[in-house]
Amino acid sequence: MPTSVLIIDDSVTVREQIIRTLESFNLFSRYHEAEDGLEGFKKLLSSPVDIILCDLEMPRIDGFKFLSMLKARPELQDVPVIILTGVNDRERKIKGLEQGASDYITKPFDRDELVARVKIHLKIKKLQDDLKRSNELLLELSNTDHLTGLFNRRYMMEALDKEVQRSVRSGGNLSLIMLDIDHFKLVNDRFGHLQGDVVLQRVALQLQKELRSYDCAARYGGEEFVAILPDSPLKEAVLVADRIRLAVQGTRFNGQLSPLCLTASMGVACFSNEQSVTVDGFIKQADDALYRAKANGRNRVESHDCTDLTRGC
């Protein structure tokens, strides 16, 4: 994997010396230079690096100020900074370490010491990056339904709770769609559970296609799905639900599933501050509407306020 370093020092000679030393060990594929903290910070924002070597004494913005600027940016806080200082001052070294530096080297530096310290911090950075990626993957897996790739019920409940709180604070609209595949048990009985899984995956795909990037689609359980639509009034959510219904109805399958004509029923509810409804109560409103859709013939959309909505052929 390509690695890069940013060298910040007001001396061209020092920068060139450091680059020649590091190049001789093939530690980096890209080298970035800056003559003070301000220039270095700007370059860092446009070109992220794996490690920074930074002088303390520089014009405009010195090393201490540069460290404080890094600390204010969460995305940059994990980049190791090795302080370069020509002053063998214990207090200043401690101050630099306390402000976020990972290590320091006194100038004029020993080339072997420089390389050894850079190697150590590159290794630590790689371990930190690997750990972060593993944690992100674990978090994604814990939030995802393994079959459909949608969010799972646990994540959906957390997301819905947050959206309800946001709606209470802002007074904005929030709608909820509950979808149930019609006669799904018959699909499993006729074609088998493996083919039933294919049907669930296709419905999940159609659901996600009809939603905006900031909507939340989740598998609620079994053949039931949920869509959370922030900033959507009831009328708009009903139209979205009917697009999903038509998309499911228009789904065509190959092979063993080719005879299947799939439909889905949906219930829609809109969160209301006036009703002081809880999250569970909000879900029940959409679920009650879904129950009416199934009781009234399936392949249709019903809403919590019982207005006439849409019906399949």
C-alpha atoms as a PDB file:
ATOM      1  CA  MET A   1       0.000   0.000   0.000  1.00  0.00           C
ATOM      2  CA  PRO A   2       1.423   3.458  -0.913  1.00  0.00           C
ATOM      3  CA  THR A   3       2.675   5.485   2.032  1.00  0.00           C
ATOM      4  CA  SER A   4       3.358   9.192   2.288  1.00  0.00           C
ATOM      5  CA  VAL A   5       5.128  11.606   4.602  1.00  0.00           C
ATOM      6  CA  LEU A   6       4.849  15.333   5.227  1.00  0.00           C
ATOM      7  CA  ILE A   7       8.032  17.174   6.205  1.00  0.00           C
ATOM      8  CA  ILE A   8       7.516  20.641   7.715  1.00  0.00           C
ATOM      9  CA  ASP A   9      10.645  22.700   8.243  1.00  0.00           C
ATOM     10  CA  ASP A  10      11.646  26.245   7.259  1.00  0.00           C
ATOM     11  CA  SER A  11      15.067  24.977   6.154  1.00  0.00           C
ATOM     12  CA  VAL A  12      15.224  23.658   2.592  1.00  0.00           C
ATOM     13  CA  THR A  13      18.492  21.935   3.459  1.00  0.00           C
ATOM     14  CA  VAL A  14      16.923  20.012   6.354  1.00  0.00           C
ATOM     15  CA  ARG A  15      13.948  18.951   4.267  1.00  0.00           C
ATOM     16  CA  GLU A  16      16.193  17.697   1.461  1.00  0.00           C
ATOM     17  CA  GLN A  17      18.395  15.839   3.934  1.00  0.00           C
ATOM     18  CA  ILE A  18      15.405  14.081   5.483  1.00  0.00           C
ATOM     19  CA  ILE A  19      13.981  13.130   2.088  1.00  0.00           C
ATOM     20  CA  ARG A  20      17.320  11.721   0.893  1.00  0.00           C
ATOM     21  CA  THR A  21      17.638   9.684   4.086  1.00  0.00           C
ATOM     22  CA  LEU A  22      14.117   8.239   3.881  1.00  0.00           C
ATOM     23  CA  GLU A  23      14.396   7.588   0.142  1.00  0.00           C
ATOM     24  CA  SER A  24      17.495   5.501   0.692  1.00  0.00           C
ATOM     25  CA  PHE A  25      15.376   3.087   2.755  1.00  0.00           C
ATOM     26  CA  ASN A  26      12.337   3.142   0.394  1.00  0.00           C
ATOM     27  CA  LEU A  27      10.009   3.934   3.284  1.00  0.00           C
ATOM     28  CA  PHE A  28       7.583   6.148   1.347  1.00  0.00           C
ATOM     29  CA  SER A  29       6.145   6.409  -2.126  1.00  0.00           C
ATOM     30  CA  ARG A  30       5.174  10.086  -1.792  1.00  0.00           C
ATOM     31  CA  TYR A  31       6.934  13.000  -0.125  1.00  0.00           C
ATOM     32  CA  HIS A  32       5.253  16.307   0.728  1.00  0.00           C
ATOM     33  CA  GLU A  33       7.099  19.422   1.924  1.00  0.00           C
ATOM     34  CA  ALA A  34       6.094  22.630   3.692  1.00  0.00           C
ATOM     35  CA  GLU A  35       8.128  25.502   5.109  1.00  0.00           C
ATOM     36  CA  ASP A  36       5.851  26.295   8.069  1.00  0.00           C
ATOM     37  CA  GLY A  37       2.851  24.991  10.003  1.00  0.00           C
ATOM     38  CA  LEU A  38       0.256  26.876   7.977  1.00  0.00           C
ATOM     39  CA  GLU A  39       1.457  25.546   4.636  1.00  0.00           C
ATOM     40  CA  GLY A  40       1.818  22.083   6.157  1.00  0.00           C
ATOM     41  CA  PHE A  41      -1.728  22.131   7.519  1.00  0.00           C
ATOM     42  CA  LYS A  42      -3.154  23.164   4.131  1.00  0.00           C
ATOM     43  CA  LYS A  43      -1.254  20.364   2.382  1.00  0.00           C
ATOM     44  CA  LEU A  44      -2.402  17.889   4.992  1.00  0.00           C
ATOM     45  CA  LEU A  45      -6.042  18.765   4.365  1.00  0.00           C
ATOM     46  CA  SER A  46      -5.692  18.163   0.629  1.00  0.00           C
ATOM     47  CA  SER A  47      -3.304  15.180   0.786  1.00  0.00           C
ATOM     48  CA  PRO A  48      -3.605  12.939   3.877  1.00  0.00           C
ATOM     49  CA  VAL A  49      -0.323  11.335   4.953  1.00  0.00           C
ATOM     50  CA  ASP A  50       0.839   8.454   7.137  1.00  0.00           C
ATOM     51  CA  ILE A  51       3.369  10.368   9.235  1.00  0.00           C
ATOM     52  CA  ILE A  52       4.490  13.964   9.820  1.00  0.00           C
ATOM     53  CA  LEU A  53       7.943  15.281  10.676  1.00  0.00           C
ATOM     54  CA  CYS A  54       7.574  18.818  11.996  1.00  0.00           C
ATOM     55  CA  ASP A  55      10.039  21.445  13.183  1.00  0.00           C
ATOM     56  CA  LEU A  56       9.201  23.439  16.327  1.00  0.00           C
ATOM     57  CA  GLU A  57      10.798  26.771  15.419  1.00  0.00           C
ATOM     58  CA  MET A  58       9.152  28.151  12.264  1.00  0.00           C
ATOM     59  CA  PRO A  59       7.771  31.492  11.022  1.00  0.00           C
ATOM     60  CA  ARG A  60       4.001  32.266  10.977  1.00  0.00           C
ATOM     61  CA  ILE A  61       2.804  29.039  12.621  1.00  0.00           C
ATOM     62  CA  ASP A  62       5.292  27.050  14.710  1.00  0.00           C
ATOM     63  CA  GLY A  63       5.198  23.383  15.668  1.00  0.00           C
ATOM     64  CA  PHE A  64       3.165  23.909  18.850  1.00  0.00           C
ATOM     65  CA  LYS A  65       0.444  25.809  17.032  1.00  0.00           C
ATOM     66  CA  PHE A  66       0.462  23.174  14.281  1.00  0.00           C
ATOM     67  CA  LEU A  67      -0.113  20.448  16.896  1.00  0.00           C
ATOM     68  CA  SER A  68      -3.063  22.348  18.357  1.00  0.00           C
ATOM     69  CA  MET A  69      -4.570  22.703  14.850  1.00  0.00           C
ATOM     70  CA  LEU A  70      -4.253  18.940  14.338  1.00  0.00           C
ATOM     71  CA  LYS A  71      -5.924  18.273  17.685  1.00  0.00           C
ATOM     72  CA  ALA A  72      -8.956  20.282  16.548  1.00  0.00           C
ATOM     73  CA  ARG A  73      -9.504  17.994  13.541  1.00  0.00           C
ATOM     74  CA  PRO A  74     -10.671  14.482  14.611  1.00  0.00           C
ATOM     75  CA  GLU A  75      -9.797  12.964  11.217  1.00  0.00           C
ATOM     76  CA  LEU A  76      -6.141  14.023  11.667  1.00  0.00           C
ATOM     77  CA  GLN A  77      -5.608  13.086  15.297  1.00  0.00           C
ATOM     78  CA  ASP A  78      -4.324   9.577  14.534  1.00  0.00           C
ATOM     79  CA  VAL A  79      -1.513  10.777  12.250  1.00  0.00           C
ATOM     80  CA  PRO A  80       1.778  10.403  14.168  1.00  0.00           C
ATOM     81  CA  VAL A  81       3.884  13.561  14.458  1.00  0.00           C
ATOM     82  CA  ILE A  82       7.630  13.404  15.106  1.00  0.00           C
ATOM     83  CA  ILE A  83       8.880  16.759  16.349  1.00  0.00           C
ATOM     84  CA  LEU A  84      12.198  18.043  14.955  1.00  0.00           C
ATOM     85  CA  THR A  85      13.967  20.429  17.288  1.00  0.00           C
ATOM     86  CA  GLY A  86      17.391  22.001  17.269  1.00  0.00           C
ATOM     87  CA  VAL A  87      17.074  22.931  20.941  1.00  0.00           C
ATOM     88  CA  ASN A  88      17.834  20.222  23.474  1.00  0.00           C
ATOM     89  CA  ASP A  89      15.274  21.654  25.873  1.00  0.00           C
ATOM     90  CA  ARG A  90      13.556  19.076  28.081  1.00  0.00           C
ATOM     91  CA  GLU A  91      10.589  21.319  28.887  1.00  0.00           C
ATOM     92  CA  ARG A  92       9.865  22.051  25.234  1.00  0.00           C
ATOM     93  CA  LYS A  93      10.065  18.374  24.335  1.00  0.00           C
ATOM     94  CA  ILE A  94       7.612  17.484  27.095  1.00  0.00           C
ATOM     95  CA  LYS A  95       5.291  20.293  25.987  1.00  0.00           C
ATOM     96  CA  GLY A  96       5.314  18.937  22.441  1.00  0.00           C
ATOM     97  CA  LEU A  97       4.508  15.407  23.610  1.00  0.00           C
ATOM     98  CA  GLU A  98       1.705  16.705  25.844  1.00  0.00           C
ATOM     99  CA  GLN A  99       0.196  18.584  22.896  1.00  0.00           C
ATOM    100  CA  GLY A 100      -0.047  15.450  20.780  1.00  0.00           C
ATOM    101  CA  ALA A 101       3.379  14.724  19.293  1.00  0.00           C
ATOM    102  CA  SER A 102       4.258  11.027  19.122  1.00  0.00           C
ATOM    103  CA  ASP A 103       8.034  11.402  19.355  1.00  0.00           C
ATOM    104  CA  TYR A 104      10.880  13.856  18.845  1.00  0.00           C
ATOM    105  CA  ILE A 105      14.303  13.989  17.220  1.00  0.00           C
ATOM    106  CA  THR A 106      16.995  16.519  18.029  1.00  0.00           C
ATOM    107  CA  LYS A 107      18.728  18.276  15.116  1.00  0.00           C
ATOM    108  CA  PRO A 108      21.232  17.675  13.694  1.00  0.00           C
ATOM    109  CA  PHE A 109      19.745  14.189  13.619  1.00  0.00           C
ATOM    110  CA  ASP A 110      21.391  10.822  13.292  1.00  0.00           C
ATOM    111  CA  ARG A 111      20.123   9.201  10.077  1.00  0.00           C
ATOM    112  CA  ASP A 112      19.823   5.715  11.616  1.00  0.00           C
ATOM    113  CA  GLU A 113      17.886   7.079  14.587  1.00  0.00           C
ATOM    114  CA  LEU A 114      15.567   9.016  12.253  1.00  0.00           C
ATOM    115  CA  VAL A 115      14.833   5.926  10.160  1.00  0.00           C
ATOM    116  CA  ALA A 116      14.341   3.723  13.240  1.00  0.00           C
ATOM    117  CA  ARG A 117      11.846   6.134  14.821  1.00  0.00           C
ATOM    118  CA  VAL A 118       9.959   6.616  11.550  1.00  0.00           C
ATOM    119  CA  LYS A 119       9.723   2.827  11.073  1.00  0.00           C
ATOM    120  CA  ILE A 120       8.346   2.362  14.590  1.00  0.00           C
ATOM    121  CA  HIS A 121       5.631   4.975  14.126  1.00  0.00           C
ATOM    122  CA  LEU A 122       4.738   3.713  10.678  1.00  0.00           C
ATOM    123  CA  LYS A 123       4.225   0.257  12.172  1.00  0.00           C
ATOM    124  CA  ILE A 124       2.086   1.670  14.989  1.00  0.00           C
ATOM    125  CA  LYS A 125       0.044   3.686  12.469  1.00  0.00           C
ATOM    126  CA  LYS A 126      -0.551   0.564  10.354  1.00  0.00           C
ATOM    127  CA  LEU A 127      -1.702  -1.393  13.404  1.00  0.00           C
ATOM    128  CA  GLN A 128      -4.046   1.450  14.390  1.00  0.00           C
ATOM    129  CA  ASP A 129      -5.465   1.648  10.851  1.00  0.00           C
ATOM    130  CA  ASP A 130      -5.979  -2.120  10.721  1.00  0.00           C
ATOM    131  CA  LEU A 131      -7.735  -2.035  14.093  1.00  0.00           C
ATOM    132  CA  LYS A 132      -9.950   0.852  12.996  1.00  0.00           C
ATOM    133  CA  ARG A 133     -10.930  -0.976   9.804  1.00  0.00           C
ATOM    134  CA  SER A 134     -11.702  -4.136  11.804  1.00  0.00           C
ATOM    135  CA  ASN A 135     -13.856  -2.180  14.245  1.00  0.00           C
ATOM    136  CA  GLU A 136     -15.694  -0.467  11.397  1.00  0.00           C
ATOM    137  CA  LEU A 137     -16.325  -3.832   9.755  1.00  0.00           C
ATOM    138  CA  LEU A 138     -17.572  -5.319  13.022  1.00  0.00           C
ATOM    139  CA  LEU A 139     -19.875  -2.334  13.528  1.00  0.00           C
ATOM    140  CA  GLU A 140     -21.211  -2.689   9.990  1.00  0.00           C
ATOM    141  CA  LEU A 141     -21.794  -6.407  10.485  1.00  0.00           C
ATOM    142  CA  SER A 142     -23.553  -5.800  13.791  1.00  0.00           C
ATOM    143  CA  ASN A 143     -25.896  -3.306  12.106  1.00  0.00           C
ATOM    144  CA  THR A 144     -26.607  -5.312   8.954  1.00  0.00           C
ATOM    145  CA  ASP A 145     -29.034  -8.092   8.119  1.00  0.00           C
ATOM    146  CA  HIS A 146     -26.762 -10.776   6.668  1.00  0.00           C
ATOM    147  CA  LEU A 147     -29.276 -11.999   4.080  1.00  0.00           C
ATOM    148  CA  THR A 148     -30.537  -8.777   2.495  1.00  0.00           C
ATOM    149  CA  GLY A 149     -27.710  -6.345   3.232  1.00  0.00           C
ATOM    150  CA  LEU A 150     -30.217  -3.879   4.706  1.00  0.00           C
ATOM    151  CA  PHE A 151     -29.966  -2.590   8.261  1.00  0.00           C
ATOM    152  CA  ASN A 152     -31.212  -4.999  10.897  1.00  0.00           C
ATOM    153  CA  ARG A 153     -34.009  -4.449  13.395  1.00  0.00           C
ATOM    154  CA  ARG A 154     -31.716  -3.348  16.225  1.00  0.00           C
ATOM    155  CA  TYR A 155     -30.131  -0.617  14.140  1.00  0.00           C
ATOM    156  CA  MET A 156     -33.539   0.421  12.772  1.00  0.00           C
ATOM    157  CA  MET A 157     -34.911   0.900  16.297  1.00  0.00           C
ATOM    158  CA  GLU A 158     -31.937   3.081  17.246  1.00  0.00           C
ATOM    159  CA  ALA A 159     -32.239   5.108  14.038  1.00  0.00           C
ATOM    160  CA  LEU A 160     -35.988   5.554  14.481  1.00  0.00           C
ATOM    161  CA  ASP A 161     -35.535   6.714  18.065  1.00  0.00           C
ATOM    162  CA  LYS A 162     -33.011   9.333  16.930  1.00  0.00           C
ATOM    163  CA  GLU A 163     -35.275  10.514  14.099  1.00  0.00           C
ATOM    164  CA  VAL A 164     -38.255  10.786  16.449  1.00  0.00           C
ATOM    165  CA  GLN A 165     -36.178  12.899  18.852  1.00  0.00           C
ATOM    166  CA  ARG A 166     -35.048  15.096  15.964  1.00  0.00           C
ATOM    167  CA  SER A 167     -38.644  15.478  14.786  1.00  0.00           C
ATOM    168  CA  VAL A 168     -39.714  16.502  18.300  1.00  0.00           C
ATOM    169  CA  ARG A 169     -36.973  19.145  18.458  1.00  0.00           C
ATOM    170  CA  SER A 170     -37.447  20.557  14.968  1.00  0.00           C
ATOM    171  CA  GLY A 171     -41.131  19.926  14.410  1.00  0.00           C
ATOM    172  CA  GLY A 172     -40.274  18.356  11.057  1.00  0.00           C
ATOM    173  CA  ASN A 173     -42.081  15.535   9.311  1.00  0.00           C
ATOM    174  CA  LEU A 174     -41.146  11.916   9.809  1.00  0.00           C
ATOM    175  CA  SER A 175     -42.856   8.988   8.107  1.00  0.00           C
ATOM    176  CA  LEU A 176     -42.597   5.243   8.513  1.00  0.00           C
ATOM    177  CA  ILE A 177     -43.430   2.518   5.983  1.00  0.00           C
ATOM    178  CA  MET A 178     -43.964  -1.107   6.962  1.00  0.00           C
ATOM    179  CA  LEU A 179     -43.909  -3.659   4.147  1.00  0.00           C
ATOM    180  CA  ASP A 180     -44.998  -7.282   4.244  1.00  0.00           C
ATOM    181  CA  ILE A 181     -44.610  -9.683   1.320  1.00  0.00           C
ATOM    182  CA  ASP A 182     -48.002 -11.161   0.494  1.00  0.00           C
ATOM    183  CA  HIS A 183     -48.406 -14.931   0.994  1.00  0.00           C
ATOM    184  CA  PHE A 184     -44.681 -15.410   1.583  1.00  0.00           C
ATOM    185  CA  LYS A 185     -45.262 -18.725   3.386  1.00  0.00           C
ATOM    186  CA  LEU A 186     -46.655 -20.099   0.131  1.00  0.00           C
ATOM    187  CA  VAL A 187     -43.457 -18.994  -1.647  1.00  0.00           C
ATOM    188  CA  ASN A 188     -41.380 -21.019   0.807  1.00  0.00           C
ATOM    189  CA  ASP A 189     -43.745 -23.972   0.640  1.00  0.00           C
ATOM    190  CA  ARG A 190     -43.787 -24.022  -3.175  1.00  0.00           C
ATOM    191  CA  PHE A 191     -40.206 -23.149  -4.054  1.00  0.00           C
ATOM    192  CA  GLY A 192     -38.248 -23.896  -0.876  1.00  0.00           C
ATOM    193  CA  HIS A 193     -36.490 -21.682   1.642  1.00  0.00           C
ATOM    194  CA  LEU A 194     -33.398 -21.073  -0.484  1.00  0.00           C
ATOM    195  CA  GLN A 195     -35.556 -19.599  -3.233  1.00  0.00           C
ATOM    196  CA  GLY A 196     -37.464 -17.737  -0.553  1.00  0.00           C
ATOM    197  CA  ASP A 197     -34.196 -16.093   0.417  1.00  0.00           C
ATOM    198  CA  VAL A 198     -33.753 -14.965  -3.197  1.00  0.00           C
ATOM    199  CA  VAL A 199     -37.196 -13.355  -3.057  1.00  0.00           C
ATOM    200  CA  LEU A 200     -36.305 -11.511   0.166  1.00  0.00           C
ATOM    201  CA  GLN A 201     -33.107 -10.215  -1.415  1.00  0.00           C
ATOM    202  CA  ARG A 202     -34.944  -8.962  -4.495  1.00  0.00           C
ATOM    203  CA  VAL A 203     -37.589  -7.184  -2.424  1.00  0.00           C
ATOM    204  CA  ALA A 204     -34.849  -5.565  -0.336  1.00  0.00           C
ATOM    205  CA  LEU A 205     -33.206  -4.354  -3.554  1.00  0.00           C
ATOM    206  CA  GLN A 206     -36.454  -2.890  -4.897  1.00  0.00           C
ATOM    207  CA  LEU A 207     -37.121  -1.192  -1.567  1.00  0.00           C
ATOM    208  CA  GLN A 208     -33.711   0.439  -1.471  1.00  0.00           C
ATOM    209  CA  LYS A 209     -33.959   1.589  -5.096  1.00  0.00           C
ATOM    210  CA  GLU A 210     -37.074   3.640  -4.361  1.00  0.00           C
ATOM    211  CA  LEU A 211     -35.621   5.428  -1.322  1.00  0.00           C
ATOM    212  CA  ARG A 212     -33.405   8.468  -0.980  1.00  0.00           C
ATOM    213  CA  SER A 213     -29.807   8.149   0.140  1.00  0.00           C
ATOM    214  CA  TYR A 214     -30.628   9.436   3.629  1.00  0.00           C
ATOM    215  CA  ASP A 215     -33.693   7.235   4.151  1.00  0.00           C
ATOM    216  CA  CYS A 216     -33.214   4.095   6.238  1.00  0.00           C
ATOM    217  CA  ALA A 217     -34.292   0.683   4.926  1.00  0.00           C
ATOM    218  CA  ALA A 218     -34.241  -2.284   7.287  1.00  0.00           C
ATOM    219  CA  ARG A 219     -35.407  -5.855   7.548  1.00  0.00           C
ATOM    220  CA  TYR A 220     -37.804  -5.877  10.471  1.00  0.00           C
ATOM    221  CA  GLY A 221     -38.061  -9.649  10.642  1.00  0.00           C
ATOM    222  CA  GLY A 222     -39.080 -12.556   8.429  1.00  0.00           C
ATOM    223  CA  GLU A 223     -40.744 -11.105   5.337  1.00  0.00           C
ATOM    224  CA  GLU A 224     -41.354  -7.687   6.906  1.00  0.00           C
ATOM    225  CA  PHE A 225     -39.358  -4.583   6.012  1.00  0.00           C
ATOM    226  CA  VAL A 226     -39.328  -1.025   7.316  1.00  0.00           C
ATOM    227  CA  ALA A 227     -38.401   2.285   5.706  1.00  0.00           C
ATOM    228  CA  ILE A 228     -37.775   5.434   7.758  1.00  0.00           C
ATOM    229  CA  LEU A 229     -38.359   8.625   5.754  1.00  0.00           C
ATOM    230  CA  PRO A 230     -37.092  11.797   7.468  1.00  0.00           C
ATOM    231  CA  ASP A 231     -38.583  15.128   6.350  1.00  0.00           C
ATOM    232  CA  SER A 232     -41.452  13.355   4.573  1.00  0.00           C
ATOM    233  CA  PRO A 233     -45.123  14.170   5.195  1.00  0.00           C
ATOM    234  CA  LEU A 234     -47.701  11.393   5.052  1.00  0.00           C
ATOM    235  CA  LYS A 235     -48.863  12.139   1.510  1.00  0.00           C
ATOM    236  CA  GLU A 236     -45.337  11.972   0.143  1.00  0.00           C
ATOM    237  CA  ALA A 237     -44.575   8.768   2.067  1.00  0.00           C
ATOM    238  CA  VAL A 238     -47.718   7.146   0.650  1.00  0.00           C
ATOM    239  CA  LEU A 239     -46.527   7.916  -2.880  1.00  0.00           C
ATOM    240  CA  VAL A 240     -43.145   6.383  -2.077  1.00  0.00           C
ATOM    241  CA  ALA A 241     -44.842   3.311  -0.646  1.00  0.00           C
ATOM    242  CA  ASP A 242     -46.907   2.892  -3.789  1.00  0.00           C
ATOM    243  CA  ARG A 243     -43.798   3.154  -5.970  1.00  0.00           C
ATOM    244  CA  ILE A 244     -42.292   0.369  -3.878  1.00  0.00           C
ATOM    245  CA  ARG A 245     -45.508  -1.662  -4.233  1.00  0.00           C
ATOM    246  CA  LEU A 246     -45.434  -1.309  -8.012  1.00  0.00           C
ATOM    247  CA  ALA A 247     -41.722  -2.155  -8.124  1.00  0.00           C
ATOM    248  CA  VAL A 248     -42.323  -5.347  -6.138  1.00  0.00           C
ATOM    249  CA  GLN A 249     -45.309  -6.236  -8.323  1.00  0.00           C
ATOM    250  CA  GLY A 250     -43.193  -5.708 -11.439  1.00  0.00           C
ATOM    251  CA  THR A 251     -40.328  -7.906 -10.248  1.00  0.00           C
ATOM    252  CA  ARG A 252     -39.592 -10.753 -12.623  1.00  0.00           C
ATOM    253  CA  PHE A 253     -37.666 -13.878 -11.693  1.00  0.00           C
ATOM    254  CA  ASN A 254     -35.688 -16.442 -13.672  1.00  0.00           C
ATOM    255  CA  GLY A 255     -35.355 -20.183 -13.377  1.00  0.00           C
ATOM    256  CA  GLN A 256     -37.391 -21.960 -10.735  1.00  0.00           C
ATOM    257  CA  LEU A 257     -39.014 -18.706  -9.597  1.00  0.00           C
ATOM    258  CA  SER A 258     -40.114 -17.614 -13.093  1.00  0.00           C
ATOM    259  CA  PRO A 259     -43.828 -18.424 -12.482  1.00  0.00           C
ATOM    260  CA  LEU A 260     -43.891 -16.272  -9.330  1.00  0.00           C
ATOM    261  CA  CYS A 261     -46.080 -13.149  -9.286  1.00  0.00           C
ATOM    262  CA  LEU A 262     -44.975 -11.248  -6.222  1.00  0.00           C
ATOM    263  CA  THR A 263     -46.932  -8.551  -4.381  1.00  0.00           C
ATOM    264  CA  ALA A 264     -46.577  -6.694  -1.098  1.00  0.00           C
ATOM    265  CA  SER A 265     -48.822  -4.800   1.294  1.00  0.00           C
ATOM    266  CA  MET A 266     -47.777  -1.632   3.088  1.00  0.00           C
ATOM    267  CA  GLY A 267     -48.810   0.513   6.031  1.00  0.00           C
ATOM    268  CA  VAL A 268     -47.711   4.134   6.388  1.00  0.00           C
ATOM    269  CA  ALA A 269     -47.721   6.396   9.436  1.00  0.00           C
ATOM    270  CA  CYS A 270     -46.501   9.948  10.027  1.00  0.00           C
ATOM    271  CA  PHE A 271     -45.110  10.972  13.404  1.00  0.00           C
ATOM    272  CA  SER A 272     -47.157  13.605  15.193  1.00  0.00           C
ATOM    273  CA  ASN A 273     -45.924  15.745  18.082  1.00  0.00           C
ATOM    274  CA  GLU A 274     -49.511  16.573  18.978  1.00  0.00           C
ATOM    275  CA  GLN A 275     -50.317  12.944  19.758  1.00  0.00           C
ATOM    276  CA  SER A 276     -47.232  12.552  21.995  1.00  0.00           C
ATOM    277  CA  VAL A 277     -46.808   9.066  20.572  1.00  0.00           C
ATOM    278  CA  THR A 278     -43.855   6.890  21.631  1.00  0.00           C
ATOM    279  CA  VAL A 279     -41.520   5.110  19.209  1.00  0.00           C
ATOM    280  CA  ASP A 280     -43.354   1.845  19.878  1.00  0.00           C
ATOM    281  CA  GLY A 281     -46.661   3.631  19.367  1.00  0.00           C
ATOM    282  CA  PHE A 282     -45.407   5.061  16.081  1.00  0.00           C
ATOM    283  CA  ILE A 283     -44.460   1.581  14.871  1.00  0.00           C
ATOM    284  CA  LYS A 284     -47.876   0.274  15.948  1.00  0.00           C
ATOM    285  CA  GLN A 285     -49.592   2.957  13.845  1.00  0.00           C
ATOM    286  CA  ALA A 286     -47.747   1.770  10.725  1.00  0.00           C
ATOM    287  CA  ASP A 287     -48.317  -1.869  11.685  1.00  0.00           C
ATOM    288  CA  ASP A 288     -52.070  -1.282  12.145  1.00  0.00           C
ATOM    289  CA  ALA A 289     -52.197   0.340   8.708  1.00  0.00           C
ATOM    290  CA  LEU A 290     -50.347  -2.661   7.280  1.00  0.00           C
ATOM    291  CA  TYR A 291     -52.878  -4.980   8.909  1.00  0.00           C
ATOM    292  CA  ARG A 292     -55.708  -3.077   7.200  1.00  0.00           C
ATOM    293  CA  ALA A 293     -53.907  -3.312   3.846  1.00  0.00           C
ATOM    294  CA  LYS A 294     -53.730  -7.089   4.194  1.00  0.00           C
ATOM    295  CA  ALA A 295     -57.314  -7.343   5.478  1.00  0.00           C
ATOM    296  CA  ASN A 296     -58.576  -5.238   2.566  1.00  0.00           C
ATOM    297  CA  GLY A 297     -57.192  -7.508  -0.119  1.00  0.00           C
ATOM    298  CA  ARG A 298     -53.371  -7.148  -0.066  1.00  0.00           C
ATOM    299  CA  ASN A 299     -51.140  -5.562  -2.736  1.00  0.00           C
ATOM    300  CA  ARG A 300     -52.151  -2.136  -1.502  1.00  0.00           C
ATOM    301  CA  VAL A 301     -51.081   0.773   0.710  1.00  0.00           C
ATOM    302  CA  GLU A 302     -53.000   2.023   3.729  1.00  0.00           C
ATOM    303  CA  SER A 303     -52.141   4.908   6.025  1.00  0.00           C
ATOM    304  CA  HIS A 304     -52.697   5.507   9.708  1.00  0.00           C
ATOM    305  CA  ASP A 305     -55.309   8.215   9.083  1.00  0.00           C
ATOM    306  CA  CYS A 306     -57.342   5.758   6.969  1.00  0.00           C
ATOM    307  CA  THR A 307     -57.582   8.000   3.910  1.00  0.00           C
ATOM    308  CA  ASP A 308     -58.104   6.198   0.626  1.00  0.00           C
ATOM    309  CA  LEU A 309     -54.770   5.424  -0.861  1.00  0.00           C
ATOM    310  CA  THR A 310     -53.668   3.050  -3.539  1.00  0.00           C
ATOM    311  CA  ARG A 311     -54.744  -0.360  -4.633  1.00  0.00           C
ATOM    312  CA  GLY A 312     -53.203  -3.006  -6.834  1.00  0.00           C
ATOM    313  CA  CYS A 313     -54.920  -4.491  -9.828  1.00  0.00           C
END
